[in-house]
Amino acid sequence: MKIGRIGILGMGKMGEALAKGLQSSTDSKLFAIKGTTRSKESAAEAAKRLGIECHTDNAKLAAESEVIILCVKPHQAESVVRSIAPRLSPSKLVISICASVTCEQIAAWLAGSSAASVAIIRAMPNTPCLIGEGMTVFSGGANASNAHLEIAEKIFGTVGRTATVEESLMDGVTGLSGCGPAYIYLIIEALSEAGVKVGLPRKTATLLAAQTLMGSAKMVLERGEHPAALKDEVTTPAGCTIDGLMALEEGKLRVTLIKAVLAATKRSKSLRDNKI
């Protein structure tokens, strides 16, 4: 299928991030991007900011697009999907970034319409997509082929890295990378506070904490080594680092972070069980 015409239903922050990513990509001339918002005023503002056509008619946009990206709130997903169902055809691709909403749920909302066999992909991007450094994970529905997943990877690859997993793992993805930026901001804040405690100016302490975290993450990604091996490189015998690590172990940082991911994963499942 062609990727050309992309309709973004819900031009919020993530929708705008995708539009900007696509516009700045090397293949930008291959894409025709349009979007929708809930009001004429916000549509006009988005159109002016992004230089794309933007309006309030989801069904019209779905009819005109080959790829439809659902960027609405989870509780809005069902009504939006049902409203565009009559305008979808089996040749189209629907990509949903609605947290906790499964491909099976979307397929059920499309059942009985001409779009019953449409390809559906569930995606979980995170907020660093807003600066082109995001992480998006996909799982494909029953009608989604490898070619469909490649299209999703091409689109979301404009705003960061991508990966694909079985849908049964998507709640875990939500708990780890979806919610993860908040955990990292808390860690940066704590390290910055520690810097202030030992006498550093707050601005400098925050810079040190954030850049250290970013550089360390880049080391993990680019060198491909286990984080424990990289940790050992920093930890010299009888040095300062081992004392800091001991304090972290005493404070149960490791198990606390694991519990945070487990709690967020459980919440993601409960949102769906409660029908969002």
Protein backbone atom coordinates (compact mmCIF):
# COMPACT_ATOMS: atom_id res chain seq x y z
CA MET A 1 0.00 0.00 0.00
CA LYS A 2 1.00 3.63 -0.46
CA ILE A 3 1.98 5.75 2.50
CA GLY A 4 1.38 9.09 0.75
CA ARG A 5 -1.74 10.51 2.38
CA ILE A 6 -1.53 10.51 6.18
CA GLY A 7 -4.44 11.66 8.32
CA ILE A 8 -3.72 12.51 11.94
CA LEU A 9 -6.94 12.43 13.96
CA GLY A 10 -6.21 14.63 16.98
CA MET A 11 -3.55 17.29 16.50
CA GLY A 12 -2.45 17.42 20.13
CA LYS A 13 1.21 17.42 21.14
CA MET A 14 1.93 13.94 19.80
CA GLY A 15 0.00 14.56 16.60
CA GLU A 16 1.97 17.75 15.99
CA ALA A 17 5.24 15.98 16.80
CA LEU A 18 4.48 13.38 14.13
CA ALA A 19 3.55 16.04 11.60
CA LYS A 20 6.79 17.92 12.24
CA GLY A 21 8.83 14.72 12.13
CA LEU A 22 7.34 13.74 8.79
CA GLN A 23 7.83 17.24 7.39
CA SER A 24 11.52 17.27 8.37
CA SER A 25 12.30 13.74 7.15
CA THR A 26 14.29 13.05 3.99
CA ASP A 27 11.14 11.55 2.46
CA SER A 28 8.95 14.54 3.30
CA LYS A 29 7.96 15.04 -0.35
CA LEU A 30 6.36 11.60 -0.35
CA PHE A 31 3.91 12.49 2.42
CA ALA A 32 0.71 14.53 2.28
CA ILE A 33 -0.26 15.27 5.88
CA LYS A 34 -3.63 16.49 7.09
CA GLY A 35 -5.08 16.66 10.59
CA THR A 36 -8.16 17.25 12.69
CA THR A 37 -8.89 18.88 16.02
CA ARG A 38 -12.03 19.25 18.13
CA SER A 39 -12.69 22.91 17.34
CA LYS A 40 -12.43 25.20 14.33
CA GLU A 41 -10.27 27.59 16.33
CA SER A 42 -7.66 24.98 17.28
CA ALA A 43 -7.74 23.59 13.73
CA ALA A 44 -6.96 27.03 12.32
CA GLU A 45 -4.12 27.49 14.82
CA ALA A 46 -2.63 24.07 14.01
CA ALA A 47 -2.89 24.72 10.29
CA LYS A 48 -1.03 28.00 10.69
CA ARG A 49 1.70 26.49 12.89
CA LEU A 50 2.32 23.44 10.74
CA GLY A 51 1.41 24.64 7.26
CA ILE A 52 -0.99 21.74 6.66
CA GLU A 53 -4.71 21.40 6.07
CA CYS A 54 -6.50 20.95 9.38
CA HIS A 55 -10.24 20.80 10.13
CA THR A 56 -12.77 19.10 12.44
CA ASP A 57 -14.24 16.38 10.19
CA ASN A 58 -12.71 13.02 11.22
CA ALA A 59 -14.78 11.02 8.74
CA LYS A 60 -13.74 13.24 5.82
CA LEU A 61 -10.08 12.93 6.78
CA ALA A 62 -10.35 9.14 7.13
CA ALA A 63 -11.88 8.90 3.65
CA GLU A 64 -9.06 10.97 2.12
CA SER A 65 -6.17 9.18 3.83
CA GLU A 66 -4.35 5.91 3.21
CA VAL A 67 -2.90 5.87 6.73
CA ILE A 68 -5.05 7.06 9.64
CA ILE A 69 -3.30 7.77 12.94
CA LEU A 70 -5.57 7.92 16.00
CA CYS A 71 -4.07 10.46 18.39
CA VAL A 72 -7.16 10.95 20.55
CA LYS A 73 -7.63 10.27 24.27
CA PRO A 74 -8.40 6.63 25.17
CA HIS A 75 -11.91 7.47 26.33
CA GLN A 76 -12.61 9.13 22.96
CA ALA A 77 -11.30 6.22 20.89
CA GLU A 78 -14.51 4.20 20.52
CA SER A 79 -16.70 7.10 19.40
CA VAL A 80 -14.06 8.33 16.93
CA VAL A 81 -13.48 4.86 15.46
CA ARG A 82 -17.20 4.21 15.05
CA SER A 83 -17.65 7.61 13.40
CA ILE A 84 -15.00 6.97 10.75
CA ALA A 85 -15.86 3.27 10.13
CA PRO A 86 -18.19 3.96 7.16
CA ARG A 87 -15.41 5.92 5.44
CA LEU A 88 -12.73 3.25 5.83
CA SER A 89 -11.89 0.51 3.34
CA PRO A 90 -9.83 -2.68 3.67
CA SER A 91 -6.92 -1.05 1.83
CA LYS A 92 -6.32 1.50 4.59
CA LEU A 93 -4.09 1.27 7.66
CA VAL A 94 -5.19 2.46 11.11
CA ILE A 95 -2.48 3.18 13.68
CA SER A 96 -3.68 3.89 17.22
CA ILE A 97 -1.58 5.55 19.92
CA CYS A 98 -4.47 5.36 22.42
CA ALA A 99 -3.02 3.96 25.64
CA SER A 100 -4.49 0.61 26.75
CA VAL A 101 -6.78 0.31 23.71
CA THR A 102 -6.13 -3.00 21.95
CA CYS A 103 -6.26 -3.90 18.27
CA GLU A 104 -9.05 -6.33 19.15
CA GLN A 105 -11.14 -3.54 20.66
CA ILE A 106 -10.72 -1.36 17.58
CA ALA A 107 -11.58 -4.30 15.33
CA ALA A 108 -14.75 -4.89 17.37
CA TRP A 109 -15.77 -1.24 16.91
CA LEU A 110 -15.29 -1.66 13.15
CA ALA A 111 -17.15 -4.98 12.94
CA GLY A 112 -20.12 -5.00 10.62
CA SER A 113 -18.77 -2.15 8.50
CA SER A 114 -16.83 -2.07 5.24
CA ALA A 115 -13.72 -1.56 7.38
CA ALA A 116 -14.05 -4.87 9.23
CA SER A 117 -10.89 -6.23 7.61
CA VAL A 118 -8.81 -3.05 7.82
CA ALA A 119 -5.23 -3.41 9.08
CA ILE A 120 -4.77 -2.11 12.65
CA ILE A 121 -1.55 -1.38 14.51
CA ARG A 122 -1.29 -0.41 18.17
CA ALA A 123 1.53 2.00 18.95
CA MET A 124 2.95 3.33 22.22
CA PRO A 125 5.15 6.41 21.69
CA ASN A 126 6.57 8.45 24.57
CA THR A 127 6.91 12.19 25.06
CA PRO A 128 10.56 12.54 23.91
CA CYS A 129 9.04 12.12 20.43
CA LEU A 130 8.32 15.83 20.81
CA ILE A 131 12.05 16.52 20.30
CA GLY A 132 12.74 13.66 17.89
CA GLU A 133 14.26 11.38 20.54
CA GLY A 134 11.26 9.20 21.33
CA MET A 135 10.70 5.49 21.67
CA THR A 136 7.69 3.97 19.91
CA VAL A 137 6.71 0.32 20.20
CA PHE A 138 4.24 -1.43 17.88
CA SER A 139 2.09 -4.53 17.86
CA GLY A 140 0.04 -5.59 14.87
CA GLY A 141 -3.57 -6.70 14.78
CA ALA A 142 -4.84 -9.76 12.93
CA ASN A 143 -4.84 -8.04 9.51
CA ALA A 144 -1.55 -6.17 9.91
CA SER A 145 1.27 -7.54 7.74
CA ASN A 146 5.02 -6.95 7.97
CA ALA A 147 4.57 -4.36 5.25
CA HIS A 148 2.08 -2.48 7.43
CA LEU A 149 4.51 -2.57 10.36
CA GLU A 150 7.26 -1.23 8.12
CA ILE A 151 5.03 1.72 7.26
CA ALA A 152 4.46 2.41 10.96
CA GLU A 153 8.20 2.20 11.60
CA LYS A 154 8.86 4.65 8.77
CA ILE A 155 6.35 7.16 10.12
CA PHE A 156 7.34 6.98 13.78
CA GLY A 157 11.01 6.60 12.93
CA THR A 158 10.92 10.31 12.07
CA VAL A 159 10.52 11.09 15.80
CA GLY A 160 12.87 8.54 17.38
CA ARG A 161 13.55 4.81 17.62
CA THR A 162 11.06 1.99 17.12
CA ALA A 163 10.53 -1.63 18.13
CA THR A 164 7.87 -4.30 17.65
CA VAL A 165 6.51 -6.74 20.26
CA GLU A 166 3.59 -9.10 20.73
CA GLU A 167 0.48 -7.23 21.85
CA SER A 168 0.39 -9.15 25.15
CA LEU A 169 3.51 -7.17 26.11
CA MET A 170 2.13 -3.72 25.33
CA ASP A 171 0.97 -2.96 28.86
CA GLY A 172 4.54 -3.59 29.97
CA VAL A 173 5.75 -1.24 27.24
CA THR A 174 3.38 1.40 28.60
CA GLY A 175 4.73 0.88 32.13
CA LEU A 176 8.37 1.08 31.00
CA SER A 177 8.89 3.43 28.06
CA GLY A 178 5.47 5.09 27.97
CA CYS A 179 5.59 6.20 31.60
CA GLY A 180 9.39 6.02 31.84
CA PRO A 181 10.17 9.69 31.07
CA ALA A 182 8.41 10.68 34.31
CA TYR A 183 10.65 8.31 36.29
CA ILE A 184 13.72 9.78 34.61
CA TYR A 185 12.65 13.36 35.31
CA LEU A 186 12.28 12.44 38.97
CA ILE A 187 15.79 10.99 38.98
CA ILE A 188 17.20 14.11 37.31
CA GLU A 189 15.38 16.29 39.83
CA ALA A 190 16.78 14.26 42.74
CA LEU A 191 20.34 14.38 41.38
CA SER A 192 19.98 18.11 40.83
CA GLU A 193 18.81 18.58 44.42
CA ALA A 194 21.83 16.59 45.57
CA GLY A 195 24.06 18.91 43.57
CA VAL A 196 22.51 21.91 45.31
CA LYS A 197 23.03 20.16 48.65
CA VAL A 198 26.77 19.85 48.01
CA GLY A 199 27.04 23.51 46.95
CA LEU A 200 26.49 23.61 43.20
CA PRO A 201 24.29 26.34 41.65
CA ARG A 202 20.88 24.87 40.79
CA LYS A 203 21.18 25.56 37.05
CA THR A 204 24.60 23.91 36.93
CA ALA A 205 23.42 20.95 39.02
CA THR A 206 20.48 20.35 36.67
CA LEU A 207 22.77 20.57 33.63
CA LEU A 208 25.17 18.05 35.16
CA ALA A 209 22.37 15.65 36.07
CA ALA A 210 20.57 15.82 32.72
CA GLN A 211 23.67 15.62 30.53
CA THR A 212 25.09 12.76 32.60
CA LEU A 213 21.87 10.82 32.17
CA MET A 214 21.70 11.53 28.44
CA GLY A 215 25.34 10.61 27.86
CA SER A 216 25.02 7.41 29.87
CA ALA A 217 21.91 6.37 27.93
CA LYS A 218 23.72 7.03 24.66
CA MET A 219 26.59 4.81 25.82
CA VAL A 220 24.15 1.94 26.40
CA LEU A 221 22.54 2.38 22.97
CA GLU A 222 25.70 2.90 20.93
CA ARG A 223 28.01 0.37 22.59
CA GLY A 224 25.38 -2.32 22.99
CA GLU A 225 26.90 -3.58 26.24
CA HIS A 226 25.01 -4.63 29.35
CA PRO A 227 24.44 -1.66 31.68
CA ALA A 228 26.16 -3.61 34.47
CA ALA A 229 29.37 -3.78 32.41
CA LEU A 230 29.29 -0.02 31.79
CA LYS A 231 28.60 0.56 35.48
CA ASP A 232 31.71 -1.46 36.35
CA GLU A 233 33.82 0.78 34.10
CA VAL A 234 32.95 3.74 36.32
CA THR A 235 33.34 1.85 39.58
CA THR A 236 37.05 1.83 40.45
CA PRO A 237 38.31 -0.13 43.51
CA ALA A 238 37.97 1.85 46.74
CA GLY A 239 36.74 4.85 44.74
CA CYS A 240 33.84 7.27 45.19
CA THR A 241 31.36 5.50 42.93
CA ILE A 242 31.10 2.31 44.96
CA ASP A 243 30.08 4.31 48.03
CA GLY A 244 27.38 6.03 46.01
CA LEU A 245 26.16 2.71 44.63
CA MET A 246 26.00 1.25 48.12
CA ALA A 247 23.81 4.16 49.21
CA LEU A 248 21.50 3.52 46.24
CA GLU A 249 21.24 -0.17 47.09
CA GLU A 250 20.49 0.66 50.72
CA GLY A 251 17.75 3.01 49.51
CA LYS A 252 16.36 0.22 47.32
CA LEU A 253 16.48 2.33 44.15
CA ARG A 254 16.70 -0.75 41.94
CA VAL A 255 13.65 -2.51 43.38
CA THR A 256 11.71 0.76 43.60
CA LEU A 257 12.15 1.39 39.87
CA ILE A 258 11.07 -2.17 39.12
CA LYS A 259 7.98 -1.67 41.28
CA ALA A 260 7.21 1.57 39.43
CA VAL A 261 7.12 -0.24 36.08
CA LEU A 262 5.01 -3.07 37.54
CA ALA A 263 2.53 -0.58 39.06
CA ALA A 264 2.16 1.36 35.81
CA THR A 265 1.76 -1.89 33.85
CA LYS A 266 -0.98 -3.02 36.22
CA ARG A 267 -2.73 0.32 35.84
CA SER A 268 -2.60 0.07 32.06
CA LYS A 269 -4.35 -3.30 32.24
CA SER A 270 -6.95 -2.00 34.68
CA LEU A 271 -7.84 0.91 32.39
CA ARG A 272 -8.82 -1.58 29.72
CA ASP A 273 -10.63 -3.89 32.14
CA ASN A 274 -12.70 -0.90 33.24
CA LYS A 275 -13.41 -0.20 29.54
CA ILE A 276 -11.39 2.99 29.81
